[in-house]
């Protein structure tokens, strides 16, 4: 009975942590969208790290951005975004040859 309580409490805490981080990441992404033009002028082609609605780093590649930022910030608490004009940096299109009859 005690183990069930701990597991349930742990899952609830984990869910709240994930929900909070997703909301924070959404805020970071909205910051990027609102300031995209000025960020592109300064960081075009770089992978920028955004936390608390501030750019805290700029890197040549995504893996470097994650590795370096994870040294001082918990993963999941910051956004890594390729900084480029237009929507190509944050939009993916998937195509399929599947046909439905």
C-alpha atoms as a PDB file:
ATOM      1  CA  UNK A   1       0.000   0.000   0.000  1.00  0.00           C
ATOM      2  CA  UNK A   2       2.799   2.427   0.861  1.00  0.00           C
ATOM      3  CA  UNK A   3       4.622   1.676  -2.411  1.00  0.00           C
ATOM      4  CA  UNK A   4       1.489   2.441  -4.423  1.00  0.00           C
ATOM      5  CA  UNK A   5       1.215   5.807  -2.670  1.00  0.00           C
ATOM      6  CA  UNK A   6       4.838   6.657  -3.438  1.00  0.00           C
ATOM      7  CA  UNK A   7       4.500   5.600  -7.085  1.00  0.00           C
ATOM      8  CA  UNK A   8       1.282   7.578  -7.496  1.00  0.00           C
ATOM      9  CA  UNK A   9       2.804  10.640  -5.839  1.00  0.00           C
ATOM     10  CA  UNK A  10       5.946  10.292  -7.951  1.00  0.00           C
ATOM     11  CA  UNK A  11       3.952  10.051 -11.184  1.00  0.00           C
ATOM     12  CA  UNK A  12       1.840  13.044 -10.210  1.00  0.00           C
ATOM     13  CA  UNK A  13       4.963  15.075  -9.434  1.00  0.00           C
ATOM     14  CA  UNK A  14       6.567  14.024 -12.700  1.00  0.00           C
ATOM     15  CA  UNK A  15       3.426  14.992 -14.629  1.00  0.00           C
ATOM     16  CA  UNK A  16       3.344  18.422 -12.977  1.00  0.00           C
ATOM     17  CA  UNK A  17       7.061  18.921 -13.719  1.00  0.00           C
ATOM     18  CA  UNK A  18       6.519  18.007 -17.379  1.00  0.00           C
ATOM     19  CA  UNK A  19       3.464  20.232 -17.724  1.00  0.00           C
ATOM     20  CA  UNK A  20       5.300  23.172 -16.157  1.00  0.00           C
ATOM     21  CA  UNK A  21       8.318  22.693 -18.422  1.00  0.00           C
ATOM     22  CA  UNK A  22       6.123  22.423 -21.525  1.00  0.00           C
ATOM     23  CA  UNK A  23       4.417  25.689 -20.615  1.00  0.00           C
ATOM     24  CA  UNK A  24       7.812  27.326 -20.065  1.00  0.00           C
ATOM     25  CA  UNK A  25       9.104  26.031 -23.395  1.00  0.00           C
ATOM     26  CA  UNK A  26       6.002  27.388 -25.095  1.00  0.00           C
ATOM     27  CA  UNK A  27       6.770  30.805 -23.576  1.00  0.00           C
ATOM     28  CA  UNK A  28      10.365  30.577 -24.835  1.00  0.00           C
ATOM     29  CA  UNK A  29       9.146  29.685 -28.323  1.00  0.00           C
ATOM     30  CA  UNK A  30       6.679  32.577 -28.328  1.00  0.00           C
ATOM     31  CA  UNK A  31       9.567  34.867 -27.333  1.00  0.00           C
ATOM     32  CA  UNK A  32      11.513  33.562 -30.343  1.00  0.00           C
ATOM     33  CA  UNK A  33       8.576  34.184 -32.697  1.00  0.00           C
ATOM     34  CA  UNK A  34       7.962  37.700 -31.355  1.00  0.00           C
ATOM     35  CA  UNK A  35      11.646  38.656 -31.672  1.00  0.00           C
ATOM     36  CA  UNK A  36      12.599  36.529 -34.672  1.00  0.00           C
ATOM     37  CA  UNK A  37      13.543  39.414 -36.965  1.00  0.00           C
ATOM     38  CA  UNK A  38      15.922  41.027 -34.487  1.00  0.00           C
ATOM     39  CA  UNK A  39      17.336  37.665 -33.396  1.00  0.00           C
ATOM     40  CA  UNK A  40      18.046  36.733 -37.031  1.00  0.00           C
ATOM     41  CA  UNK A  41      19.969  39.983 -37.481  1.00  0.00           C
ATOM     42  CA  UNK A  42      22.225  39.046 -34.584  1.00  0.00           C
ATOM     43  CA  UNK A  43      22.350  35.209 -34.689  1.00  0.00           C
ATOM     44  CA  UNK A  44      21.424  34.140 -38.235  1.00  0.00           C
ATOM     45  CA  UNK A  45      22.296  30.485 -38.829  1.00  0.00           C
ATOM     46  CA  UNK A  46      23.238  29.805 -35.197  1.00  0.00           C
ATOM     47  CA  UNK A  47      21.460  27.579 -32.717  1.00  0.00           C
ATOM     48  CA  UNK A  48      20.377  29.859 -29.914  1.00  0.00           C
ATOM     49  CA  UNK A  49      19.457  28.835 -26.391  1.00  0.00           C
ATOM     50  CA  UNK A  50      16.511  30.663 -24.829  1.00  0.00           C
ATOM     51  CA  UNK A  51      15.664  30.551 -21.140  1.00  0.00           C
ATOM     52  CA  UNK A  52      13.462  32.943 -19.165  1.00  0.00           C
ATOM     53  CA  UNK A  53      12.771  34.824 -22.414  1.00  0.00           C
ATOM     54  CA  UNK A  54      16.463  35.675 -22.880  1.00  0.00           C
ATOM     55  CA  UNK A  55      19.097  34.331 -25.235  1.00  0.00           C
ATOM     56  CA  UNK A  56      21.691  32.687 -22.992  1.00  0.00           C
ATOM     57  CA  UNK A  57      23.891  31.184 -25.706  1.00  0.00           C
ATOM     58  CA  UNK A  58      24.548  30.867 -29.423  1.00  0.00           C
ATOM     59  CA  UNK A  59      26.260  27.838 -30.981  1.00  0.00           C
ATOM     60  CA  UNK A  60      27.275  26.447 -34.365  1.00  0.00           C
ATOM     61  CA  UNK A  61      25.251  23.235 -33.975  1.00  0.00           C
ATOM     62  CA  UNK A  62      22.379  21.832 -31.955  1.00  0.00           C
ATOM     63  CA  UNK A  63      24.386  19.168 -30.118  1.00  0.00           C
ATOM     64  CA  UNK A  64      26.929  21.719 -28.925  1.00  0.00           C
ATOM     65  CA  UNK A  65      24.105  23.985 -27.737  1.00  0.00           C
ATOM     66  CA  UNK A  66      22.512  21.177 -25.722  1.00  0.00           C
ATOM     67  CA  UNK A  67      25.798  19.830 -24.314  1.00  0.00           C
ATOM     68  CA  UNK A  68      27.164  23.203 -23.223  1.00  0.00           C
ATOM     69  CA  UNK A  69      23.893  24.536 -21.819  1.00  0.00           C
ATOM     70  CA  UNK A  70      23.199  21.287 -19.937  1.00  0.00           C
ATOM     71  CA  UNK A  71      26.360  21.878 -17.910  1.00  0.00           C
ATOM     72  CA  UNK A  72      24.680  24.763 -16.090  1.00  0.00           C
ATOM     73  CA  UNK A  73      20.940  24.284 -16.748  1.00  0.00           C
ATOM     74  CA  UNK A  74      18.689  21.281 -16.291  1.00  0.00           C
ATOM     75  CA  UNK A  75      17.641  19.722 -19.619  1.00  0.00           C
ATOM     76  CA  UNK A  76      14.022  20.547 -20.358  1.00  0.00           C
ATOM     77  CA  UNK A  77      14.290  24.033 -18.851  1.00  0.00           C
ATOM     78  CA  UNK A  78      15.636  25.771 -21.959  1.00  0.00           C
ATOM     79  CA  UNK A  79      14.792  25.924 -25.655  1.00  0.00           C
ATOM     80  CA  UNK A  80      17.313  25.336 -28.448  1.00  0.00           C
ATOM     81  CA  UNK A  81      16.158  26.978 -31.670  1.00  0.00           C
ATOM     82  CA  UNK A  82      17.854  27.356 -35.049  1.00  0.00           C
ATOM     83  CA  UNK A  83      17.785  31.056 -35.761  1.00  0.00           C
ATOM     84  CA  UNK A  84      16.850  31.767 -39.363  1.00  0.00           C
ATOM     85  CA  UNK A  85      14.297  33.851 -41.247  1.00  0.00           C
ATOM     86  CA  UNK A  86      10.897  32.431 -42.105  1.00  0.00           C
ATOM     87  CA  UNK A  87       9.238  29.352 -40.679  1.00  0.00           C
ATOM     88  CA  UNK A  88      11.675  26.727 -42.012  1.00  0.00           C
ATOM     89  CA  UNK A  89      13.589  26.652 -38.731  1.00  0.00           C
ATOM     90  CA  UNK A  90      10.567  25.482 -36.749  1.00  0.00           C
ATOM     91  CA  UNK A  91       8.294  23.778 -39.281  1.00  0.00           C
ATOM     92  CA  UNK A  92       8.480  20.202 -40.534  1.00  0.00           C
ATOM     93  CA  UNK A  93       6.436  18.741 -43.362  1.00  0.00           C
ATOM     94  CA  UNK A  94       5.996  15.007 -43.732  1.00  0.00           C
ATOM     95  CA  UNK A  95       4.803  13.355 -46.910  1.00  0.00           C
ATOM     96  CA  UNK A  96       3.429   9.872 -47.368  1.00  0.00           C
ATOM     97  CA  UNK A  97       2.588   7.745 -50.362  1.00  0.00           C
ATOM     98  CA  UNK A  98      -0.243   6.074 -48.520  1.00  0.00           C
ATOM     99  CA  UNK A  99      -3.549   6.136 -50.375  1.00  0.00           C
ATOM    100  CA  UNK A 100      -6.884   5.643 -48.649  1.00  0.00           C
ATOM    101  CA  UNK A 101      -9.683   4.041 -50.588  1.00  0.00           C
END
